[in-house]
Amino acid sequence: MVIFNHFCLSSVSSDCRSGCATCSPLNGCLTCKSRFFFHLELDGIRQRGTCLTSCPRGHYGRRSPNISTCTRCKADCASCFSEHFCTSCHPGHFLFRGRCENSCPEGLTENAALRECTDRCEVGEWSHWGSCIRKRRMRGFRKGEQTRTRRILNSLSVHGDPCPHVSEIRKCVIKKRRSRRSKKLECKKKGKIISFIQFLQYDMYKTES
């Protein structure tokens, strides 16, 4: 048994919770073993001391040579790394550079789901539709696909809002290519038409003269 502040305490024994160096039946842990954090938790209307390997949500660990303690985060922080660095916020606040703000700076979006200020993803204009290309998996001789794209102008942070899609594909019909023979026939037809027009023009000139 150990007397501490007029209390009769037990040193490390079966009465103490894990991590306690000294404790009392009424107040729980009073001191902790090394590498443990001392934390006061509510037990009904009473506070009892506990010794934890890591601090609960809403608290951060503060180490010192004598005793390491769990200290409550600032009121607007849901969780924090230290006194001046929040890692998450309560509803109605948004995390920005370790602080919980009521609103986000200009150029950032208030992400209600993450409770963070996130970057907007900016994309450019769509390009023109590309050539109609036949895919092997597509049925039909003249069916194909064509694609258009757009560039990301402003890249995102780790927790930024997802970018909209930057490519689109649509079905198309491949224009029928003319064979060499059909091209030759067309050229011959054009040649005959031109010759006939020239003949008419010559005949009219001859008549007038």
N, C-alpha and C. Protein backbone atom coordinates (compact mmCIF):
# COMPACT_ATOMS: atom_id res chain seq x y z
N MET A 1 0.84 -1.21 0.00
CA MET A 1 0.00 0.00 0.00
C MET A 1 0.87 1.25 0.00
N VAL A 2 0.36 2.32 -0.62
CA VAL A 2 1.07 3.58 -0.71
C VAL A 2 0.11 4.70 -0.31
N ILE A 3 0.57 5.67 0.52
CA ILE A 3 -0.25 6.83 0.88
C ILE A 3 0.11 7.98 -0.05
N PHE A 4 -0.92 8.53 -0.74
CA PHE A 4 -0.71 9.62 -1.69
C PHE A 4 -1.83 10.63 -1.50
N ASN A 5 -1.45 11.91 -1.11
CA ASN A 5 -2.45 12.96 -0.85
C ASN A 5 -3.55 12.49 0.11
N HIS A 6 -3.12 11.84 1.17
CA HIS A 6 -4.01 11.36 2.23
C HIS A 6 -4.92 10.21 1.79
N PHE A 7 -4.66 9.65 0.59
CA PHE A 7 -5.41 8.48 0.16
C PHE A 7 -4.55 7.24 0.34
N CYS A 8 -5.21 6.17 0.68
CA CYS A 8 -4.52 4.89 0.77
C CYS A 8 -4.59 4.23 -0.61
N LEU A 9 -3.46 4.13 -1.27
CA LEU A 9 -3.41 3.67 -2.64
C LEU A 9 -2.78 2.30 -2.73
N SER A 10 -3.10 1.61 -3.78
CA SER A 10 -2.40 0.37 -4.07
C SER A 10 -1.40 0.67 -5.17
N SER A 11 -0.20 0.15 -5.05
CA SER A 11 0.74 0.25 -6.16
C SER A 11 0.27 -0.75 -7.20
N VAL A 12 1.08 -1.05 -8.18
CA VAL A 12 0.64 -1.92 -9.26
C VAL A 12 0.11 -3.23 -8.69
N SER A 13 -1.19 -3.47 -8.90
CA SER A 13 -1.82 -4.68 -8.38
C SER A 13 -3.00 -5.04 -9.26
N SER A 14 -3.72 -6.07 -8.87
CA SER A 14 -4.87 -6.49 -9.66
C SER A 14 -6.00 -5.48 -9.59
N ASP A 15 -5.98 -4.58 -8.59
CA ASP A 15 -7.02 -3.56 -8.46
C ASP A 15 -6.85 -2.44 -9.49
N CYS A 16 -5.64 -2.22 -9.96
CA CYS A 16 -5.36 -1.15 -10.92
C CYS A 16 -5.65 -1.61 -12.35
N ARG A 17 -6.13 -0.67 -13.15
CA ARG A 17 -6.33 -0.97 -14.56
C ARG A 17 -4.99 -1.06 -15.27
N SER A 18 -5.02 -1.61 -16.47
CA SER A 18 -3.79 -1.74 -17.25
C SER A 18 -3.21 -0.36 -17.54
N GLY A 19 -1.92 -0.20 -17.34
CA GLY A 19 -1.23 1.06 -17.59
C GLY A 19 -1.07 1.93 -16.37
N CYS A 20 -1.81 1.66 -15.28
CA CYS A 20 -1.71 2.47 -14.06
C CYS A 20 -0.43 2.13 -13.30
N ALA A 21 0.21 3.16 -12.78
CA ALA A 21 1.34 2.95 -11.86
C ALA A 21 0.82 2.93 -10.43
N THR A 22 -0.08 3.88 -10.11
CA THR A 22 -0.75 3.91 -8.80
C THR A 22 -2.21 4.23 -9.03
N CYS A 23 -3.08 3.78 -8.10
CA CYS A 23 -4.51 4.00 -8.28
C CYS A 23 -5.22 3.95 -6.94
N SER A 24 -6.48 4.37 -6.94
CA SER A 24 -7.33 4.27 -5.75
C SER A 24 -8.68 3.73 -6.19
N PRO A 25 -9.39 3.03 -5.32
CA PRO A 25 -10.71 2.48 -5.69
C PRO A 25 -11.70 3.57 -6.07
N LEU A 26 -11.56 4.74 -5.47
CA LEU A 26 -12.51 5.83 -5.70
C LEU A 26 -12.21 6.60 -6.98
N ASN A 27 -10.94 6.91 -7.22
CA ASN A 27 -10.56 7.80 -8.32
C ASN A 27 -9.89 7.11 -9.50
N GLY A 28 -9.73 5.81 -9.45
CA GLY A 28 -9.08 5.10 -10.54
C GLY A 28 -7.58 5.36 -10.57
N CYS A 29 -7.03 5.47 -11.77
CA CYS A 29 -5.59 5.70 -11.91
C CYS A 29 -5.22 7.10 -11.42
N LEU A 30 -4.11 7.19 -10.73
CA LEU A 30 -3.58 8.48 -10.28
C LEU A 30 -2.27 8.81 -10.99
N THR A 31 -1.49 7.81 -11.28
CA THR A 31 -0.27 7.97 -12.07
C THR A 31 -0.19 6.81 -13.06
N CYS A 32 0.55 7.03 -14.13
CA CYS A 32 0.63 6.03 -15.20
C CYS A 32 2.06 5.52 -15.37
N LYS A 33 2.15 4.37 -15.98
CA LYS A 33 3.45 3.83 -16.37
C LYS A 33 4.00 4.67 -17.52
N SER A 34 5.27 4.51 -17.80
CA SER A 34 5.88 5.26 -18.90
C SER A 34 5.23 4.87 -20.23
N ARG A 35 5.17 5.83 -21.14
CA ARG A 35 4.58 5.69 -22.48
C ARG A 35 3.06 5.69 -22.46
N PHE A 36 2.43 5.83 -21.28
CA PHE A 36 0.97 5.93 -21.20
C PHE A 36 0.56 7.37 -20.95
N PHE A 37 -0.63 7.73 -21.43
CA PHE A 37 -1.19 9.07 -21.21
C PHE A 37 -2.26 9.00 -20.12
N PHE A 38 -2.19 9.95 -19.19
CA PHE A 38 -3.21 10.05 -18.13
C PHE A 38 -4.42 10.80 -18.69
N HIS A 39 -5.61 10.21 -18.49
CA HIS A 39 -6.83 10.82 -19.02
C HIS A 39 -7.95 10.68 -18.01
N LEU A 40 -8.69 11.78 -17.78
CA LEU A 40 -9.86 11.75 -16.89
C LEU A 40 -11.10 11.49 -17.72
N GLU A 41 -11.85 10.43 -17.39
CA GLU A 41 -13.08 10.12 -18.10
C GLU A 41 -14.26 10.15 -17.13
N LEU A 42 -15.43 10.48 -17.65
CA LEU A 42 -16.62 10.56 -16.81
C LEU A 42 -17.14 9.17 -16.48
N ASP A 43 -17.44 8.97 -15.20
CA ASP A 43 -18.05 7.73 -14.72
C ASP A 43 -19.30 8.14 -13.96
N GLY A 44 -20.40 8.32 -14.69
CA GLY A 44 -21.60 8.89 -14.08
C GLY A 44 -21.38 10.38 -13.86
N ILE A 45 -21.45 10.82 -12.59
CA ILE A 45 -21.17 12.23 -12.26
C ILE A 45 -19.75 12.40 -11.76
N ARG A 46 -19.02 11.32 -11.74
CA ARG A 46 -17.66 11.33 -11.19
C ARG A 46 -16.63 11.22 -12.30
N GLN A 47 -15.44 11.72 -12.08
CA GLN A 47 -14.33 11.56 -13.01
C GLN A 47 -13.36 10.53 -12.46
N ARG A 48 -12.95 9.63 -13.33
CA ARG A 48 -11.99 8.60 -12.94
C ARG A 48 -10.77 8.69 -13.85
N GLY A 49 -9.62 8.47 -13.27
CA GLY A 49 -8.38 8.49 -14.04
C GLY A 49 -8.16 7.18 -14.78
N THR A 50 -7.70 7.29 -16.02
CA THR A 50 -7.35 6.11 -16.81
C THR A 50 -5.99 6.36 -17.45
N CYS A 51 -5.33 5.30 -17.82
CA CYS A 51 -4.03 5.40 -18.50
C CYS A 51 -4.16 4.74 -19.87
N LEU A 52 -3.91 5.51 -20.92
CA LEU A 52 -4.15 5.06 -22.29
C LEU A 52 -2.87 5.12 -23.13
N THR A 53 -2.78 4.23 -24.10
CA THR A 53 -1.64 4.27 -25.02
C THR A 53 -1.78 5.39 -26.04
N SER A 54 -3.02 5.79 -26.34
CA SER A 54 -3.29 6.94 -27.21
C SER A 54 -4.53 7.65 -26.71
N CYS A 55 -4.60 8.94 -26.96
CA CYS A 55 -5.69 9.75 -26.43
C CYS A 55 -6.96 9.57 -27.26
N PRO A 56 -8.14 9.70 -26.64
CA PRO A 56 -9.40 9.55 -27.37
C PRO A 56 -9.65 10.73 -28.31
N ARG A 57 -10.61 10.57 -29.19
CA ARG A 57 -10.99 11.63 -30.14
C ARG A 57 -11.37 12.90 -29.39
N GLY A 58 -10.92 14.02 -29.89
CA GLY A 58 -11.19 15.30 -29.23
C GLY A 58 -10.11 15.69 -28.25
N HIS A 59 -9.06 14.87 -28.14
CA HIS A 59 -7.94 15.14 -27.24
C HIS A 59 -6.63 14.88 -27.99
N TYR A 60 -5.56 15.47 -27.52
CA TYR A 60 -4.23 15.20 -28.06
C TYR A 60 -3.28 14.89 -26.91
N GLY A 61 -2.25 14.12 -27.21
CA GLY A 61 -1.29 13.72 -26.18
C GLY A 61 -0.22 14.77 -25.94
N ARG A 62 -0.01 15.10 -24.70
CA ARG A 62 1.05 16.06 -24.33
C ARG A 62 2.00 15.35 -23.38
N ARG A 63 3.23 15.17 -23.82
CA ARG A 63 4.22 14.44 -23.03
C ARG A 63 5.06 15.41 -22.20
N SER A 64 5.43 14.93 -21.02
CA SER A 64 6.34 15.69 -20.14
C SER A 64 7.13 14.68 -19.32
N PRO A 65 8.25 15.10 -18.73
CA PRO A 65 9.08 14.15 -17.96
C PRO A 65 8.34 13.54 -16.77
N ASN A 66 7.44 14.32 -16.14
CA ASN A 66 6.76 13.83 -14.93
C ASN A 66 5.54 12.98 -15.27
N ILE A 67 4.63 13.52 -16.08
CA ILE A 67 3.42 12.79 -16.44
C ILE A 67 2.94 13.24 -17.82
N SER A 68 2.59 12.29 -18.65
CA SER A 68 2.02 12.58 -19.97
C SER A 68 0.50 12.57 -19.86
N THR A 69 -0.14 13.59 -20.41
CA THR A 69 -1.59 13.74 -20.23
C THR A 69 -2.30 13.88 -21.57
N CYS A 70 -3.60 13.59 -21.55
CA CYS A 70 -4.48 13.85 -22.69
C CYS A 70 -5.15 15.19 -22.46
N THR A 71 -4.95 16.12 -23.40
CA THR A 71 -5.49 17.47 -23.28
C THR A 71 -6.58 17.68 -24.33
N ARG A 72 -7.66 18.34 -23.94
CA ARG A 72 -8.79 18.54 -24.85
C ARG A 72 -8.41 19.51 -25.97
N CYS A 73 -8.91 19.21 -27.19
CA CYS A 73 -8.70 20.10 -28.34
C CYS A 73 -9.51 21.38 -28.17
N LYS A 74 -9.24 22.36 -29.02
CA LYS A 74 -10.04 23.58 -29.02
C LYS A 74 -11.51 23.25 -29.30
N ALA A 75 -12.39 24.17 -28.91
CA ALA A 75 -13.83 23.92 -28.99
C ALA A 75 -14.30 23.59 -30.40
N ASP A 76 -13.72 24.23 -31.43
CA ASP A 76 -14.20 24.00 -32.80
C ASP A 76 -13.55 22.80 -33.48
N CYS A 77 -12.57 22.17 -32.84
CA CYS A 77 -11.89 20.99 -33.40
C CYS A 77 -12.58 19.71 -32.94
N ALA A 78 -12.87 18.82 -33.87
CA ALA A 78 -13.39 17.50 -33.50
C ALA A 78 -12.24 16.58 -33.10
N SER A 79 -11.08 16.76 -33.74
CA SER A 79 -9.86 16.04 -33.37
C SER A 79 -8.68 16.93 -33.72
N CYS A 80 -7.55 16.69 -33.06
CA CYS A 80 -6.40 17.56 -33.29
C CYS A 80 -5.10 16.81 -33.06
N PHE A 81 -4.04 17.36 -33.63
CA PHE A 81 -2.69 16.81 -33.47
C PHE A 81 -1.96 17.48 -32.31
N SER A 82 -2.26 18.76 -32.14
CA SER A 82 -1.66 19.54 -31.05
C SER A 82 -2.61 20.68 -30.71
N GLU A 83 -2.19 21.55 -29.82
CA GLU A 83 -3.05 22.65 -29.38
C GLU A 83 -3.45 23.57 -30.53
N HIS A 84 -2.56 23.74 -31.50
CA HIS A 84 -2.79 24.70 -32.57
C HIS A 84 -2.98 24.05 -33.94
N PHE A 85 -3.23 22.73 -33.99
CA PHE A 85 -3.37 22.05 -35.29
C PHE A 85 -4.53 21.06 -35.23
N CYS A 86 -5.67 21.45 -35.83
CA CYS A 86 -6.83 20.57 -35.91
C CYS A 86 -6.67 19.58 -37.06
N THR A 87 -7.21 18.39 -36.91
CA THR A 87 -7.20 17.40 -37.99
C THR A 87 -8.61 17.11 -38.52
N SER A 88 -9.65 17.49 -37.78
CA SER A 88 -11.03 17.42 -38.26
C SER A 88 -11.87 18.42 -37.47
N CYS A 89 -13.03 18.76 -38.03
CA CYS A 89 -13.85 19.83 -37.45
C CYS A 89 -15.26 19.34 -37.12
N HIS A 90 -15.93 20.09 -36.24
CA HIS A 90 -17.34 19.84 -35.93
C HIS A 90 -18.21 20.36 -37.07
N PRO A 91 -19.47 19.88 -37.17
CA PRO A 91 -20.37 20.39 -38.21
C PRO A 91 -20.48 21.91 -38.18
N GLY A 92 -20.51 22.51 -39.37
CA GLY A 92 -20.58 23.96 -39.47
C GLY A 92 -19.24 24.63 -39.58
N HIS A 93 -18.14 23.85 -39.46
CA HIS A 93 -16.78 24.37 -39.60
C HIS A 93 -16.06 23.58 -40.70
N PHE A 94 -15.04 24.21 -41.28
CA PHE A 94 -14.31 23.59 -42.39
C PHE A 94 -12.81 23.69 -42.14
N LEU A 95 -12.13 22.55 -42.29
CA LEU A 95 -10.69 22.47 -42.02
C LEU A 95 -9.90 23.15 -43.12
N PHE A 96 -9.01 24.06 -42.71
CA PHE A 96 -8.12 24.73 -43.66
C PHE A 96 -6.79 25.00 -42.97
N ARG A 97 -5.74 24.31 -43.43
CA ARG A 97 -4.38 24.47 -42.90
C ARG A 97 -4.33 24.32 -41.38
N GLY A 98 -5.00 23.28 -40.88
CA GLY A 98 -4.92 22.96 -39.45
C GLY A 98 -5.85 23.78 -38.57
N ARG A 99 -6.71 24.59 -39.19
CA ARG A 99 -7.65 25.39 -38.41
C ARG A 99 -9.07 25.12 -38.89
N CYS A 100 -10.03 25.24 -37.98
CA CYS A 100 -11.44 25.05 -38.32
C CYS A 100 -12.09 26.42 -38.51
N GLU A 101 -12.47 26.71 -39.76
CA GLU A 101 -13.01 28.02 -40.11
C GLU A 101 -14.52 27.94 -40.34
N ASN A 102 -15.20 29.10 -40.14
CA ASN A 102 -16.64 29.17 -40.41
C ASN A 102 -16.93 29.13 -41.91
N SER A 103 -16.02 29.63 -42.72
CA SER A 103 -16.15 29.62 -44.17
C SER A 103 -14.77 29.46 -44.80
N CYS A 104 -14.75 29.07 -46.07
CA CYS A 104 -13.48 28.82 -46.75
C CYS A 104 -12.99 30.06 -47.49
N PRO A 105 -11.67 30.18 -47.67
CA PRO A 105 -11.12 31.30 -48.45
C PRO A 105 -11.61 31.26 -49.89
N GLU A 106 -11.50 32.38 -50.57
CA GLU A 106 -11.94 32.48 -51.96
C GLU A 106 -11.14 31.50 -52.84
N GLY A 107 -11.83 30.83 -53.72
CA GLY A 107 -11.19 29.86 -54.61
C GLY A 107 -11.28 28.44 -54.11
N LEU A 108 -11.75 28.23 -52.87
CA LEU A 108 -11.90 26.89 -52.31
C LEU A 108 -13.37 26.61 -52.06
N THR A 109 -13.72 25.33 -52.06
CA THR A 109 -15.11 24.90 -51.89
C THR A 109 -15.34 24.37 -50.48
N GLU A 110 -16.48 24.71 -49.89
CA GLU A 110 -16.85 24.19 -48.58
C GLU A 110 -17.43 22.79 -48.76
N ASN A 111 -16.63 21.77 -48.43
CA ASN A 111 -17.04 20.38 -48.59
C ASN A 111 -17.72 19.93 -47.30
N ALA A 112 -19.05 19.87 -47.32
CA ALA A 112 -19.82 19.54 -46.11
C ALA A 112 -19.60 18.10 -45.67
N ALA A 113 -19.37 17.19 -46.62
CA ALA A 113 -19.16 15.78 -46.26
C ALA A 113 -17.84 15.59 -45.52
N LEU A 114 -16.77 16.20 -46.02
CA LEU A 114 -15.45 16.08 -45.38
C LEU A 114 -15.24 17.12 -44.29
N ARG A 115 -16.07 18.18 -44.31
CA ARG A 115 -15.88 19.34 -43.41
C ARG A 115 -14.49 19.94 -43.62
N GLU A 116 -14.17 20.11 -44.89
CA GLU A 116 -12.86 20.66 -45.28
C GLU A 116 -13.04 21.69 -46.39
N CYS A 117 -12.05 22.55 -46.52
CA CYS A 117 -11.97 23.45 -47.67
C CYS A 117 -11.19 22.71 -48.76
N THR A 118 -11.84 22.44 -49.87
CA THR A 118 -11.20 21.66 -50.93
C THR A 118 -11.08 22.49 -52.20
N ASP A 119 -10.10 22.13 -53.02
CA ASP A 119 -9.86 22.82 -54.29
C ASP A 119 -10.96 22.49 -55.29
N ARG A 120 -11.29 23.48 -56.10
CA ARG A 120 -12.18 23.24 -57.23
C ARG A 120 -11.34 22.68 -58.39
N CYS A 121 -11.90 21.74 -59.10
CA CYS A 121 -11.23 21.22 -60.29
C CYS A 121 -11.70 22.02 -61.49
N GLU A 122 -10.76 22.66 -62.18
CA GLU A 122 -11.11 23.46 -63.36
C GLU A 122 -10.66 22.72 -64.62
N VAL A 123 -11.57 22.63 -65.57
CA VAL A 123 -11.26 21.95 -66.84
C VAL A 123 -11.48 22.91 -68.00
N GLY A 124 -10.78 22.64 -69.11
CA GLY A 124 -10.88 23.48 -70.30
C GLY A 124 -12.06 23.11 -71.17
N GLU A 125 -12.11 23.71 -72.35
CA GLU A 125 -13.19 23.45 -73.31
C GLU A 125 -12.97 22.09 -73.99
N TRP A 126 -14.07 21.52 -74.45
CA TRP A 126 -13.99 20.26 -75.18
C TRP A 126 -13.28 20.47 -76.52
N SER A 127 -12.51 19.48 -76.92
CA SER A 127 -11.90 19.51 -78.26
C SER A 127 -12.96 19.12 -79.29
N HIS A 128 -12.62 19.22 -80.58
CA HIS A 128 -13.53 18.75 -81.63
C HIS A 128 -13.57 17.22 -81.59
N TRP A 129 -14.67 16.66 -82.06
CA TRP A 129 -14.77 15.21 -82.12
C TRP A 129 -13.72 14.66 -83.09
N GLY A 130 -13.09 13.56 -82.68
CA GLY A 130 -12.06 12.95 -83.51
C GLY A 130 -12.66 12.15 -84.66
N SER A 131 -11.79 11.48 -85.38
CA SER A 131 -12.23 10.66 -86.53
C SER A 131 -13.06 9.48 -86.05
N CYS A 132 -13.95 9.03 -86.90
CA CYS A 132 -14.78 7.86 -86.59
C CYS A 132 -13.95 6.60 -86.86
N ILE A 133 -13.68 5.85 -85.80
CA ILE A 133 -12.79 4.68 -85.90
C ILE A 133 -13.60 3.42 -85.57
N ARG A 134 -13.45 2.41 -86.40
CA ARG A 134 -14.15 1.15 -86.18
C ARG A 134 -13.44 0.34 -85.11
N LYS A 135 -14.23 -0.19 -84.15
CA LYS A 135 -13.70 -1.04 -83.09
C LYS A 135 -14.06 -2.49 -83.38
N ARG A 136 -13.17 -3.39 -83.03
CA ARG A 136 -13.40 -4.81 -83.32
C ARG A 136 -14.62 -5.35 -82.60
N ARG A 137 -14.84 -4.85 -81.37
CA ARG A 137 -15.94 -5.38 -80.57
C ARG A 137 -17.31 -4.93 -81.08
N MET A 138 -17.33 -3.95 -81.97
CA MET A 138 -18.60 -3.40 -82.45
C MET A 138 -19.12 -4.19 -83.64
N ARG A 139 -20.42 -4.46 -83.61
CA ARG A 139 -21.05 -5.17 -84.72
C ARG A 139 -21.44 -4.17 -85.81
N GLY A 140 -21.43 -4.64 -86.98
CA GLY A 140 -21.79 -3.76 -88.10
C GLY A 140 -20.55 -3.21 -88.75
N PHE A 141 -20.51 -3.31 -90.08
CA PHE A 141 -19.31 -2.94 -90.82
C PHE A 141 -19.02 -1.45 -90.73
N ARG A 142 -20.06 -0.61 -90.69
CA ARG A 142 -19.84 0.82 -90.76
C ARG A 142 -20.01 1.53 -89.40
N LYS A 143 -20.16 0.76 -88.32
CA LYS A 143 -20.30 1.38 -87.00
C LYS A 143 -18.94 1.64 -86.38
N GLY A 144 -18.80 2.78 -85.72
CA GLY A 144 -17.53 3.13 -85.09
C GLY A 144 -17.72 4.03 -83.88
N GLU A 145 -16.63 4.54 -83.37
CA GLU A 145 -16.64 5.45 -82.22
C GLU A 145 -15.72 6.64 -82.50
N GLN A 146 -16.08 7.77 -81.92
CA GLN A 146 -15.20 8.92 -81.98
C GLN A 146 -15.12 9.55 -80.59
N THR A 147 -13.99 10.17 -80.31
CA THR A 147 -13.68 10.67 -78.97
C THR A 147 -13.38 12.16 -79.00
N ARG A 148 -13.73 12.82 -77.89
CA ARG A 148 -13.28 14.19 -77.68
C ARG A 148 -12.75 14.31 -76.25
N THR A 149 -11.86 15.23 -75.99
CA THR A 149 -11.21 15.36 -74.68
C THR A 149 -11.15 16.83 -74.25
N ARG A 150 -10.82 17.01 -72.97
CA ARG A 150 -10.54 18.35 -72.44
C ARG A 150 -9.47 18.24 -71.37
N ARG A 151 -8.71 19.31 -71.16
CA ARG A 151 -7.58 19.29 -70.23
C ARG A 151 -8.00 19.78 -68.85
N ILE A 152 -7.29 19.27 -67.80
CA ILE A 152 -7.46 19.78 -66.44
C ILE A 152 -6.57 21.01 -66.30
N LEU A 153 -7.17 22.14 -65.98
CA LEU A 153 -6.43 23.40 -65.87
C LEU A 153 -5.89 23.61 -64.46
N ASN A 154 -6.63 23.14 -63.45
CA ASN A 154 -6.22 23.32 -62.06
C ASN A 154 -6.24 21.98 -61.36
N SER A 155 -5.08 21.47 -60.97
CA SER A 155 -4.99 20.17 -60.32
C SER A 155 -5.49 20.27 -58.88
N LEU A 156 -5.81 19.11 -58.29
CA LEU A 156 -6.45 19.06 -56.98
C LEU A 156 -5.48 18.76 -55.86
N SER A 157 -5.91 19.09 -54.63
CA SER A 157 -5.20 18.65 -53.43
C SER A 157 -5.61 17.21 -53.16
N VAL A 158 -5.07 16.63 -52.08
CA VAL A 158 -5.35 15.22 -51.77
C VAL A 158 -6.84 14.98 -51.58
N HIS A 159 -7.51 15.90 -50.86
CA HIS A 159 -8.93 15.73 -50.57
C HIS A 159 -9.81 16.62 -51.44
N GLY A 160 -9.31 17.01 -52.61
CA GLY A 160 -10.08 17.88 -53.48
C GLY A 160 -11.30 17.20 -54.06
N ASP A 161 -12.28 18.02 -54.48
CA ASP A 161 -13.46 17.48 -55.14
C ASP A 161 -13.04 16.74 -56.41
N PRO A 162 -13.66 15.60 -56.69
CA PRO A 162 -13.28 14.86 -57.90
C PRO A 162 -13.56 15.67 -59.16
N CYS A 163 -12.66 15.54 -60.13
CA CYS A 163 -12.83 16.26 -61.40
C CYS A 163 -13.93 15.62 -62.23
N PRO A 164 -14.62 16.42 -63.06
CA PRO A 164 -15.54 15.80 -64.01
C PRO A 164 -14.74 15.02 -65.05
N HIS A 165 -15.41 14.13 -65.77
CA HIS A 165 -14.70 13.30 -66.75
C HIS A 165 -14.10 14.19 -67.84
N VAL A 166 -12.93 13.79 -68.30
CA VAL A 166 -12.19 14.61 -69.27
C VAL A 166 -12.16 13.97 -70.66
N SER A 167 -12.94 12.92 -70.87
CA SER A 167 -13.05 12.35 -72.21
C SER A 167 -14.47 11.82 -72.42
N GLU A 168 -14.94 11.90 -73.63
CA GLU A 168 -16.27 11.40 -73.99
C GLU A 168 -16.17 10.59 -75.28
N ILE A 169 -16.98 9.55 -75.36
CA ILE A 169 -17.02 8.69 -76.55
C ILE A 169 -18.46 8.61 -77.04
N ARG A 170 -18.64 8.69 -78.33
CA ARG A 170 -19.98 8.53 -78.89
C ARG A 170 -19.92 7.64 -80.13
N LYS A 171 -21.05 7.01 -80.43
CA LYS A 171 -21.15 6.14 -81.61
C LYS A 171 -21.20 7.00 -82.87
N CYS A 172 -20.71 6.45 -83.95
CA CYS A 172 -20.72 7.18 -85.22
C CYS A 172 -20.81 6.18 -86.37
N VAL A 173 -21.06 6.70 -87.55
CA VAL A 173 -21.13 5.87 -88.77
C VAL A 173 -19.94 6.23 -89.65
N ILE A 174 -19.17 5.22 -89.99
CA ILE A 174 -17.98 5.44 -90.82
C ILE A 174 -18.41 5.73 -92.25
N LYS A 175 -17.89 6.80 -92.79
CA LYS A 175 -18.22 7.16 -94.18
C LYS A 175 -17.64 6.11 -95.13
N LYS A 176 -18.46 5.72 -96.09
CA LYS A 176 -18.03 4.69 -97.04
C LYS A 176 -16.94 5.24 -97.95
N ARG A 177 -15.84 4.51 -98.01
CA ARG A 177 -14.73 4.93 -98.87
C ARG A 177 -14.98 4.48 -100.30
N ARG A 178 -14.68 5.37 -101.21
CA ARG A 178 -14.84 5.02 -102.62
C ARG A 178 -13.63 4.23 -103.11
N SER A 179 -13.90 3.23 -103.91
CA SER A 179 -12.81 2.42 -104.48
C SER A 179 -12.11 3.20 -105.60
N ARG A 180 -10.94 2.74 -105.97
CA ARG A 180 -10.20 3.38 -107.07
C ARG A 180 -10.99 3.34 -108.38
N ARG A 181 -11.68 2.22 -108.58
CA ARG A 181 -12.44 2.06 -109.82
C ARG A 181 -13.56 3.09 -109.90
N SER A 182 -14.28 3.27 -108.75
CA SER A 182 -15.38 4.25 -108.76
C SER A 182 -14.84 5.66 -108.97
N LYS A 183 -13.64 5.93 -108.40
CA LYS A 183 -13.03 7.25 -108.59
C LYS A 183 -12.69 7.47 -110.06
N LYS A 184 -12.16 6.42 -110.74
CA LYS A 184 -11.80 6.53 -112.16
C LYS A 184 -13.03 6.76 -113.01
N LEU A 185 -14.11 6.01 -112.67
CA LEU A 185 -15.35 6.17 -113.43
C LEU A 185 -15.91 7.58 -113.28
N GLU A 186 -15.82 8.08 -112.03
CA GLU A 186 -16.31 9.43 -111.77
C GLU A 186 -15.49 10.46 -112.55
N CYS A 187 -14.17 10.24 -112.57
CA CYS A 187 -13.30 11.15 -113.33
C CYS A 187 -13.65 11.12 -114.83
N LYS A 188 -13.92 9.91 -115.34
CA LYS A 188 -14.28 9.78 -116.76
C LYS A 188 -15.58 10.52 -117.06
N LYS A 189 -16.56 10.36 -116.14
CA LYS A 189 -17.85 11.03 -116.31
C LYS A 189 -17.67 12.54 -116.32
N LYS A 190 -16.85 13.02 -115.36
CA LYS A 190 -16.59 14.46 -115.29
C LYS A 190 -15.90 14.94 -116.56
N GLY A 191 -14.95 14.09 -117.04
CA GLY A 191 -14.23 14.45 -118.27
C GLY A 191 -15.17 14.54 -119.47
N LYS A 192 -16.12 13.59 -119.57
CA LYS A 192 -17.09 13.59 -120.67
C LYS A 192 -18.00 14.81 -120.60
N ILE A 193 -18.43 15.14 -119.37
CA ILE A 193 -19.31 16.31 -119.19
C ILE A 193 -18.59 17.58 -119.59
N ILE A 194 -17.32 17.70 -119.15
CA ILE A 194 -16.53 18.89 -119.50
C ILE A 194 -16.34 18.98 -121.01
N SER A 195 -16.05 17.82 -121.64
CA SER A 195 -15.86 17.80 -123.11
C SER A 195 -17.13 18.20 -123.83
N PHE A 196 -18.27 17.72 -123.31
CA PHE A 196 -19.55 18.06 -123.94
C PHE A 196 -19.85 19.55 -123.81
N ILE A 197 -19.57 20.12 -122.63
CA ILE A 197 -19.78 21.56 -122.40
C ILE A 197 -18.89 22.37 -123.33
N GLN A 198 -17.65 21.93 -123.43
CA GLN A 198 -16.71 22.62 -124.32
C GLN A 198 -17.18 22.55 -125.78
N PHE A 199 -17.73 21.38 -126.16
CA PHE A 199 -18.24 21.21 -127.52
C PHE A 199 -19.41 22.17 -127.79
N LEU A 200 -20.32 22.28 -126.80
CA LEU A 200 -21.46 23.18 -126.94
C LEU A 200 -21.01 24.62 -127.06
N GLN A 201 -20.05 24.98 -126.20
CA GLN A 201 -19.53 26.35 -126.24
C GLN A 201 -18.88 26.64 -127.60
N TYR A 202 -18.15 25.69 -128.12
CA TYR A 202 -17.48 25.86 -129.42
C TYR A 202 -18.52 25.97 -130.53
N ASP A 203 -19.57 25.13 -130.45
CA ASP A 203 -20.62 25.13 -131.47
C ASP A 203 -21.38 26.46 -131.48
N MET A 204 -21.65 27.00 -130.26
CA MET A 204 -22.34 28.29 -130.15
C MET A 204 -21.47 29.40 -130.72
N TYR A 205 -20.18 29.35 -130.43
CA TYR A 205 -19.25 30.36 -130.94
C TYR A 205 -19.20 30.33 -132.46
N LYS A 206 -19.25 29.10 -133.00
CA LYS A 206 -19.16 28.92 -134.45
C LYS A 206 -20.42 29.46 -135.13
N THR A 207 -21.55 29.23 -134.50
CA THR A 207 -22.84 29.69 -135.05
C THR A 207 -22.90 31.21 -135.07
N GLU A 208 -22.46 31.82 -133.97
CA GLU A 208 -22.48 33.29 -133.86
C GLU A 208 -21.56 33.95 -134.88
N SER A 209 -20.44 33.32 -135.13
CA SER A 209 -19.49 33.90 -136.08
C SER A 209 -19.95 33.63 -137.52
